[in-house]
Structures are given as C-alpha cells and as structure tokens.
C-alpha cells in the first residue's frame, strides 16, 4: 500500500517498476475503470526484458532480445 502525498504523487514499488520497464522519464497513463484507477505504461516494452521499444517496432521485442533469439536459433 502507498500513500498519496500533498502534490498527488505516489511511489510505484521497485519490483513493479522493474517488471514493467518503468525507468525515470517513462510515460504512464491513468485509466478510470469505474471501480478504481488502472495505471499502465503508455509506451511499448519488450516482452522478454521489459526495456522500452520504439512505438513502430515490428515485433514486441527490443533489438538486444531479437539478436539473442536469432543467435539461439543458429546454435
């Protein structure tokens, strides 16, 4: 559980920031879902390592993970 400070800020726990690739400067969005608020990254992240990827990426993977997958296919 976290508390909202007087400026309306909350701290996202470290384990969740790591899991969803939320580094300093990452954009997130707040959605009103009727019974509460959903917070989610508004930028796409790699499905393997959770690093941010380009909005127009052809695959949901970062360049490093794509290279690792291709390398493992050759071995």
PDB file of N, CA and C in Angstrom:
ATOM      1  N   UNK A   1       0.851  -1.169   0.000  1.00  0.00           N
ATOM      2  CA  UNK A   1       0.000   0.000   0.000  1.00  0.00           C
ATOM      3  C   UNK A   1       0.899   1.234   0.000  1.00  0.00           C
ATOM      4  N   UNK A   2       0.486   2.241  -0.725  1.00  0.00           N
ATOM      5  CA  UNK A   2       1.206   3.509  -0.799  1.00  0.00           C
ATOM      6  C   UNK A   2       0.255   4.642  -0.464  1.00  0.00           C
ATOM      7  N   UNK A   3       0.811   5.740  -0.002  1.00  0.00           N
ATOM      8  CA  UNK A   3       0.016   6.933   0.295  1.00  0.00           C
ATOM      9  C   UNK A   3       0.252   7.985  -0.778  1.00  0.00           C
ATOM     10  N   UNK A   4      -0.756   8.766  -1.055  1.00  0.00           N
ATOM     11  CA  UNK A   4      -0.653   9.887  -1.987  1.00  0.00           C
ATOM     12  C   UNK A   4      -0.136  11.075  -1.187  1.00  0.00           C
ATOM     13  N   UNK A   5       0.896  11.781  -1.692  1.00  0.00           N
ATOM     14  CA  UNK A   5       1.394  12.946  -0.963  1.00  0.00           C
ATOM     15  C   UNK A   5       0.562  14.178  -1.289  1.00  0.00           C
ATOM     16  N   UNK A   6       0.892  15.322  -0.693  1.00  0.00           N
ATOM     17  CA  UNK A   6       0.065  16.514  -0.856  1.00  0.00           C
ATOM     18  C   UNK A   6       0.053  17.044  -2.287  1.00  0.00           C
ATOM     19  N   UNK A   7       1.006  16.633  -3.110  1.00  0.00           N
ATOM     20  CA  UNK A   7       1.020  17.035  -4.520  1.00  0.00           C
ATOM     21  C   UNK A   7       0.358  15.994  -5.424  1.00  0.00           C
ATOM     22  N   UNK A   8      -0.184  14.921  -4.828  1.00  0.00           N
ATOM     23  CA  UNK A   8      -0.867  13.893  -5.603  1.00  0.00           C
ATOM     24  C   UNK A   8       0.044  12.815  -6.139  1.00  0.00           C
ATOM     25  N   UNK A   9       1.272  12.761  -5.656  1.00  0.00           N
ATOM     26  CA  UNK A   9       2.240  11.779  -6.152  1.00  0.00           C
ATOM     27  C   UNK A   9       2.158  10.484  -5.357  1.00  0.00           C
ATOM     28  N   UNK A  10       2.488   9.394  -6.049  1.00  0.00           N
ATOM     29  CA  UNK A  10       2.624   8.095  -5.395  1.00  0.00           C
ATOM     30  C   UNK A  10       3.952   7.489  -5.833  1.00  0.00           C
ATOM     31  N   UNK A  11       4.461   6.555  -5.050  1.00  0.00           N
ATOM     32  CA  UNK A  11       5.686   5.857  -5.412  1.00  0.00           C
ATOM     33  C   UNK A  11       5.292   4.459  -5.875  1.00  0.00           C
ATOM     34  N   UNK A  12       5.733   4.109  -7.073  1.00  0.00           N
ATOM     35  CA  UNK A  12       5.476   2.766  -7.600  1.00  0.00           C
ATOM     36  C   UNK A  12       6.575   1.866  -7.057  1.00  0.00           C
ATOM     37  N   UNK A  13       6.233   0.747  -6.429  1.00  0.00           N
ATOM     38  CA  UNK A  13       7.252  -0.144  -5.854  1.00  0.00           C
ATOM     39  C   UNK A  13       8.295  -0.576  -6.888  1.00  0.00           C
ATOM     40  N   UNK A  14       9.546  -0.698  -6.426  1.00  0.00           N
ATOM     41  CA  UNK A  14      10.681  -1.034  -7.291  1.00  0.00           C
ATOM     42  C   UNK A  14      10.431  -2.298  -8.107  1.00  0.00           C
ATOM     43  N   UNK A  15       9.879  -3.347  -7.473  1.00  0.00           N
ATOM     44  CA  UNK A  15       9.688  -4.602  -8.213  1.00  0.00           C
ATOM     45  C   UNK A  15       8.720  -4.427  -9.385  1.00  0.00           C
ATOM     46  N   UNK A  16       7.730  -3.555  -9.234  1.00  0.00           N
ATOM     47  CA  UNK A  16       6.799  -3.299 -10.338  1.00  0.00           C
ATOM     48  C   UNK A  16       7.449  -2.415 -11.400  1.00  0.00           C
ATOM     49  N   UNK A  17       8.267  -1.447 -10.990  1.00  0.00           N
ATOM     50  CA  UNK A  17       8.968  -0.609 -11.972  1.00  0.00           C
ATOM     51  C   UNK A  17       9.893  -1.457 -12.822  1.00  0.00           C
ATOM     52  N   UNK A  18      10.597  -2.400 -12.194  1.00  0.00           N
ATOM     53  CA  UNK A  18      11.495  -3.290 -12.948  1.00  0.00           C
ATOM     54  C   UNK A  18      10.695  -4.196 -13.869  1.00  0.00           C
ATOM     55  N   UNK A  19       9.637  -4.783 -13.349  1.00  0.00           N
ATOM     56  CA  UNK A  19       8.823  -5.720 -14.133  1.00  0.00           C
ATOM     57  C   UNK A  19       8.255  -5.079 -15.391  1.00  0.00           C
ATOM     58  N   UNK A  20       7.828  -3.821 -15.279  1.00  0.00           N
ATOM     59  CA  UNK A  20       7.180  -3.153 -16.411  1.00  0.00           C
ATOM     60  C   UNK A  20       8.067  -2.142 -17.124  1.00  0.00           C
ATOM     61  N   UNK A  21       9.361  -2.151 -16.822  1.00  0.00           N
ATOM     62  CA  UNK A  21      10.304  -1.294 -17.532  1.00  0.00           C
ATOM     63  C   UNK A  21      10.074   0.187 -17.292  1.00  0.00           C
ATOM     64  N   UNK A  22       9.633   0.553 -16.117  1.00  0.00           N
ATOM     65  CA  UNK A  22       9.360   1.956 -15.808  1.00  0.00           C
ATOM     66  C   UNK A  22      10.609   2.603 -15.233  1.00  0.00           C
ATOM     67  N   UNK A  23      11.402   3.195 -16.110  1.00  0.00           N
ATOM     68  CA  UNK A  23      12.592   3.912 -15.683  1.00  0.00           C
ATOM     69  C   UNK A  23      12.262   5.399 -15.602  1.00  0.00           C
ATOM     70  N   UNK A  24      13.182   6.174 -15.054  1.00  0.00           N
ATOM     71  CA  UNK A  24      12.945   7.610 -14.921  1.00  0.00           C
ATOM     72  C   UNK A  24      12.578   8.210 -16.277  1.00  0.00           C
ATOM     73  N   UNK A  25      11.524   8.979 -16.304  1.00  0.00           N
ATOM     74  CA  UNK A  25      11.065   9.609 -17.541  1.00  0.00           C
ATOM     75  C   UNK A  25      10.056   8.785 -18.319  1.00  0.00           C
ATOM     76  N   UNK A  26       9.802   7.548 -17.893  1.00  0.00           N
ATOM     77  CA  UNK A  26       8.820   6.697 -18.589  1.00  0.00           C
ATOM     78  C   UNK A  26       7.439   7.333 -18.486  1.00  0.00           C
ATOM     79  N   UNK A  27       6.671   7.196 -19.545  1.00  0.00           N
ATOM     80  CA  UNK A  27       5.305   7.728 -19.548  1.00  0.00           C
ATOM     81  C   UNK A  27       4.348   6.636 -19.100  1.00  0.00           C
ATOM     82  N   UNK A  28       3.428   7.021 -18.230  1.00  0.00           N
ATOM     83  CA  UNK A  28       2.390   6.104 -17.786  1.00  0.00           C
ATOM     84  C   UNK A  28       1.045   6.780 -17.980  1.00  0.00           C
ATOM     85  N   UNK A  29       0.005   5.980 -18.040  1.00  0.00           N
ATOM     86  CA  UNK A  29      -1.330   6.550 -18.166  1.00  0.00           C
ATOM     87  C   UNK A  29      -2.215   6.032 -17.044  1.00  0.00           C
ATOM     88  N   UNK A  30      -3.170   6.854 -16.675  1.00  0.00           N
ATOM     89  CA  UNK A  30      -4.128   6.522 -15.635  1.00  0.00           C
ATOM     90  C   UNK A  30      -5.484   6.366 -16.301  1.00  0.00           C
ATOM     91  N   UNK A  31      -6.140   5.232 -16.060  1.00  0.00           N
ATOM     92  CA  UNK A  31      -7.432   4.957 -16.672  1.00  0.00           C
ATOM     93  C   UNK A  31      -8.492   4.819 -15.586  1.00  0.00           C
ATOM     94  N   UNK A  32      -9.609   5.503 -15.770  1.00  0.00           N
ATOM     95  CA  UNK A  32     -10.748   5.378 -14.864  1.00  0.00           C
ATOM     96  C   UNK A  32     -11.542   4.165 -15.327  1.00  0.00           C
ATOM     97  N   UNK A  33     -11.550   3.111 -14.514  1.00  0.00           N
ATOM     98  CA  UNK A  33     -12.230   1.874 -14.902  1.00  0.00           C
ATOM     99  C   UNK A  33     -13.533   1.672 -14.127  1.00  0.00           C
ATOM    100  N   UNK A  34     -14.066   2.760 -13.609  1.00  0.00           N
ATOM    101  CA  UNK A  34     -15.357   2.687 -12.925  1.00  0.00           C
ATOM    102  C   UNK A  34     -15.253   2.412 -11.445  1.00  0.00           C
ATOM    103  N   UNK A  35     -14.618   1.305 -11.092  1.00  0.00           N
ATOM    104  CA  UNK A  35     -14.489   0.950  -9.679  1.00  0.00           C
ATOM    105  C   UNK A  35     -13.127   1.323  -9.111  1.00  0.00           C
ATOM    106  N   UNK A  36     -12.304   1.951  -9.910  1.00  0.00           N
ATOM    107  CA  UNK A  36     -10.967   2.313  -9.453  1.00  0.00           C
ATOM    108  C   UNK A  36     -10.140   2.888 -10.578  1.00  0.00           C
ATOM    109  N   UNK A  37      -8.854   2.942 -10.365  1.00  0.00           N
ATOM    110  CA  UNK A  37      -7.919   3.506 -11.333  1.00  0.00           C
ATOM    111  C   UNK A  37      -6.935   2.414 -11.748  1.00  0.00           C
ATOM    112  N   UNK A  38      -6.683   2.309 -13.039  1.00  0.00           N
ATOM    113  CA  UNK A  38      -5.658   1.413 -13.555  1.00  0.00           C
ATOM    114  C   UNK A  38      -4.501   2.273 -14.028  1.00  0.00           C
ATOM    115  N   UNK A  39      -3.292   1.888 -13.645  1.00  0.00           N
ATOM    116  CA  UNK A  39      -2.078   2.589 -14.061  1.00  0.00           C
ATOM    117  C   UNK A  39      -1.324   1.636 -14.971  1.00  0.00           C
ATOM    118  N   UNK A  40      -0.912   2.112 -16.150  1.00  0.00           N
ATOM    119  CA  UNK A  40      -0.159   1.239 -17.053  1.00  0.00           C
ATOM    120  C   UNK A  40       0.824   2.051 -17.879  1.00  0.00           C
ATOM    121  N   UNK A  41       1.894   1.399 -18.339  1.00  0.00           N
ATOM    122  CA  UNK A  41       2.848   2.104 -19.198  1.00  0.00           C
ATOM    123  C   UNK A  41       2.152   2.542 -20.482  1.00  0.00           C
ATOM    124  N   UNK A  42       2.459   3.728 -20.949  1.00  0.00           N
ATOM    125  CA  UNK A  42       1.851   4.164 -22.206  1.00  0.00           C
ATOM    126  C   UNK A  42       2.822   4.000 -23.366  1.00  0.00           C
ATOM    127  N   UNK A  43       3.969   3.411 -23.086  1.00  0.00           N
ATOM    128  CA  UNK A  43       4.950   3.141 -24.125  1.00  0.00           C
ATOM    129  C   UNK A  43       5.124   1.629 -24.233  1.00  0.00           C
ATOM    130  N   UNK A  44       5.338   1.123 -25.415  1.00  0.00           N
ATOM    131  CA  UNK A  44       5.527  -0.323 -25.557  1.00  0.00           C
ATOM    132  C   UNK A  44       6.843  -0.779 -24.935  1.00  0.00           C
ATOM    133  N   UNK A  45       6.838  -1.973 -24.349  1.00  0.00           N
ATOM    134  CA  UNK A  45       8.040  -2.545 -23.756  1.00  0.00           C
ATOM    135  C   UNK A  45       8.270  -3.940 -24.321  1.00  0.00           C
ATOM    136  N   UNK A  46       9.530  -4.368 -24.293  1.00  0.00           N
ATOM    137  CA  UNK A  46       9.927  -5.690 -24.774  1.00  0.00           C
ATOM    138  C   UNK A  46       9.237  -6.765 -23.946  1.00  0.00           C
ATOM    139  N   UNK A  47       8.710  -7.774 -24.592  1.00  0.00           N
ATOM    140  CA  UNK A  47       8.006  -8.857 -23.897  1.00  0.00           C
ATOM    141  C   UNK A  47       8.959  -9.748 -23.093  1.00  0.00           C
ATOM    142  N   UNK A  48      10.248  -9.681 -23.384  1.00  0.00           N
ATOM    143  CA  UNK A  48      11.206 -10.529 -22.675  1.00  0.00           C
ATOM    144  C   UNK A  48      11.874  -9.774 -21.525  1.00  0.00           C
ATOM    145  N   UNK A  49      12.505  -8.643 -21.816  1.00  0.00           N
ATOM    146  CA  UNK A  49      13.294  -7.961 -20.793  1.00  0.00           C
ATOM    147  C   UNK A  49      12.622  -6.707 -20.239  1.00  0.00           C
ATOM    148  N   UNK A  50      11.503  -6.299 -20.788  1.00  0.00           N
ATOM    149  CA  UNK A  50      10.716  -5.146 -20.347  1.00  0.00           C
ATOM    150  C   UNK A  50      11.365  -3.797 -20.642  1.00  0.00           C
ATOM    151  N   UNK A  51      12.399  -3.765 -21.499  1.00  0.00           N
ATOM    152  CA  UNK A  51      13.001  -2.491 -21.909  1.00  0.00           C
ATOM    153  C   UNK A  51      12.043  -1.771 -22.852  1.00  0.00           C
ATOM    154  N   UNK A  52      12.107  -0.453 -22.864  1.00  0.00           N
ATOM    155  CA  UNK A  52      11.252   0.302 -23.785  1.00  0.00           C
ATOM    156  C   UNK A  52      11.671   0.043 -25.228  1.00  0.00           C
ATOM    157  N   UNK A  53      10.691  -0.023 -26.115  1.00  0.00           N
ATOM    158  CA  UNK A  53      10.963  -0.204 -27.540  1.00  0.00           C
ATOM    159  C   UNK A  53      10.249   0.898 -28.312  1.00  0.00           C
ATOM    160  N   UNK A  54      10.594   1.045 -29.575  1.00  0.00           N
ATOM    161  CA  UNK A  54      10.003   2.080 -30.422  1.00  0.00           C
ATOM    162  C   UNK A  54       8.518   1.821 -30.637  1.00  0.00           C
ATOM    163  N   UNK A  55       7.770   2.909 -30.761  1.00  0.00           N
ATOM    164  CA  UNK A  55       6.323   2.817 -30.995  1.00  0.00           C
ATOM    165  C   UNK A  55       6.017   2.008 -32.258  1.00  0.00           C
ATOM    166  N   UNK A  56       6.888   2.117 -33.268  1.00  0.00           N
ATOM    167  CA  UNK A  56       6.632   1.468 -34.555  1.00  0.00           C
ATOM    168  C   UNK A  56       7.401   0.146 -34.717  1.00  0.00           C
ATOM    169  N   UNK A  57       7.826  -0.458 -33.607  1.00  0.00           N
ATOM    170  CA  UNK A  57       8.582  -1.709 -33.679  1.00  0.00           C
ATOM    171  C   UNK A  57       7.745  -2.796 -34.346  1.00  0.00           C
ATOM    172  N   UNK A  58       8.384  -3.545 -35.237  1.00  0.00           N
ATOM    173  CA  UNK A  58       7.683  -4.604 -35.960  1.00  0.00           C
ATOM    174  C   UNK A  58       7.342  -5.778 -35.045  1.00  0.00           C
ATOM    175  N   UNK A  59       8.187  -6.017 -34.051  1.00  0.00           N
ATOM    176  CA  UNK A  59       7.976  -7.097 -33.087  1.00  0.00           C
ATOM    177  C   UNK A  59       7.923  -6.498 -31.681  1.00  0.00           C
ATOM    178  N   UNK A  60       7.265  -7.170 -30.754  1.00  0.00           N
ATOM    179  CA  UNK A  60       7.208  -6.652 -29.379  1.00  0.00           C
ATOM    180  C   UNK A  60       8.467  -6.997 -28.585  1.00  0.00           C
ATOM    181  N   UNK A  61       9.637  -6.877 -29.242  1.00  0.00           N
ATOM    182  CA  UNK A  61      10.922  -7.195 -28.623  1.00  0.00           C
ATOM    183  C   UNK A  61      11.917  -6.076 -28.889  1.00  0.00           C
ATOM    184  N   UNK A  62      12.868  -5.898 -27.959  1.00  0.00           N
ATOM    185  CA  UNK A  62      13.931  -4.915 -28.178  1.00  0.00           C
ATOM    186  C   UNK A  62      14.996  -5.528 -29.093  1.00  0.00           C
ATOM    187  N   UNK A  63      15.886  -4.684 -29.600  1.00  0.00           N
ATOM    188  CA  UNK A  63      16.921  -5.160 -30.519  1.00  0.00           C
ATOM    189  C   UNK A  63      17.821  -6.210 -29.867  1.00  0.00           C
ATOM    190  N   UNK A  64      18.157  -6.028 -28.594  1.00  0.00           N
ATOM    191  CA  UNK A  64      19.027  -6.990 -27.907  1.00  0.00           C
ATOM    192  C   UNK A  64      18.372  -8.362 -27.816  1.00  0.00           C
ATOM    193  N   UNK A  65      17.093  -8.408 -27.476  1.00  0.00           N
ATOM    194  CA  UNK A  65      16.400  -9.693 -27.352  1.00  0.00           C
ATOM    195  C   UNK A  65      16.200 -10.348 -28.710  1.00  0.00           C
ATOM    196  N   UNK A  66      15.953  -9.560 -29.739  1.00  0.00           N
ATOM    197  CA  UNK A  66      15.842 -10.109 -31.092  1.00  0.00           C
ATOM    198  C   UNK A  66      17.161 -10.780 -31.473  1.00  0.00           C
ATOM    199  N   UNK A  67      18.284 -10.101 -31.183  1.00  0.00           N
ATOM    200  CA  UNK A  67      19.610 -10.663 -31.508  1.00  0.00           C
ATOM    201  C   UNK A  67      19.843 -11.961 -30.739  1.00  0.00           C
ATOM    202  N   UNK A  68      19.450 -12.002 -29.466  1.00  0.00           N
ATOM    203  CA  UNK A  68      19.611 -13.217 -28.664  1.00  0.00           C
ATOM    204  C   UNK A  68      18.765 -14.368 -29.202  1.00  0.00           C
ATOM    205  N   UNK A  69      17.542 -14.078 -29.607  1.00  0.00           N
ATOM    206  CA  UNK A  69      16.668 -15.112 -30.155  1.00  0.00           C
ATOM    207  C   UNK A  69      17.255 -15.652 -31.462  1.00  0.00           C
ATOM    208  N   UNK A  70      17.723 -14.743 -32.329  1.00  0.00           N
ATOM    209  CA  UNK A  70      18.321 -15.184 -33.596  1.00  0.00           C
ATOM    210  C   UNK A  70      19.578 -16.012 -33.345  1.00  0.00           C
ATOM    211  N   UNK A  71      20.380 -15.593 -32.376  1.00  0.00           N
ATOM    212  CA  UNK A  71      21.602 -16.328 -32.035  1.00  0.00           C
ATOM    213  C   UNK A  71      21.267 -17.731 -31.539  1.00  0.00           C
ATOM    214  N   UNK A  72      20.252 -17.852 -30.704  1.00  0.00           N
ATOM    215  CA  UNK A  72      19.879 -19.164 -30.170  1.00  0.00           C
ATOM    216  C   UNK A  72      19.325 -20.072 -31.279  1.00  0.00           C
ATOM    217  N   UNK A  73      18.724 -19.502 -32.307  1.00  0.00           N
ATOM    218  CA  UNK A  73      18.208 -20.299 -33.404  1.00  0.00           C
ATOM    219  C   UNK A  73      19.338 -20.873 -34.259  1.00  0.00           C
ATOM    220  N   UNK A  74      20.475 -20.161 -34.320  1.00  0.00           N
ATOM    221  CA  UNK A  74      21.616 -20.610 -35.105  1.00  0.00           C
ATOM    222  C   UNK A  74      22.408 -21.694 -34.387  1.00  0.00           C
ATOM    223  N   UNK A  75      22.365 -21.666 -33.053  1.00  0.00           N
ATOM    224  CA  UNK A  75      23.150 -22.638 -32.257  1.00  0.00           C
ATOM    225  C   UNK A  75      22.536 -24.007 -32.249  1.00  0.00           C
TER     226      UNK A  75
END
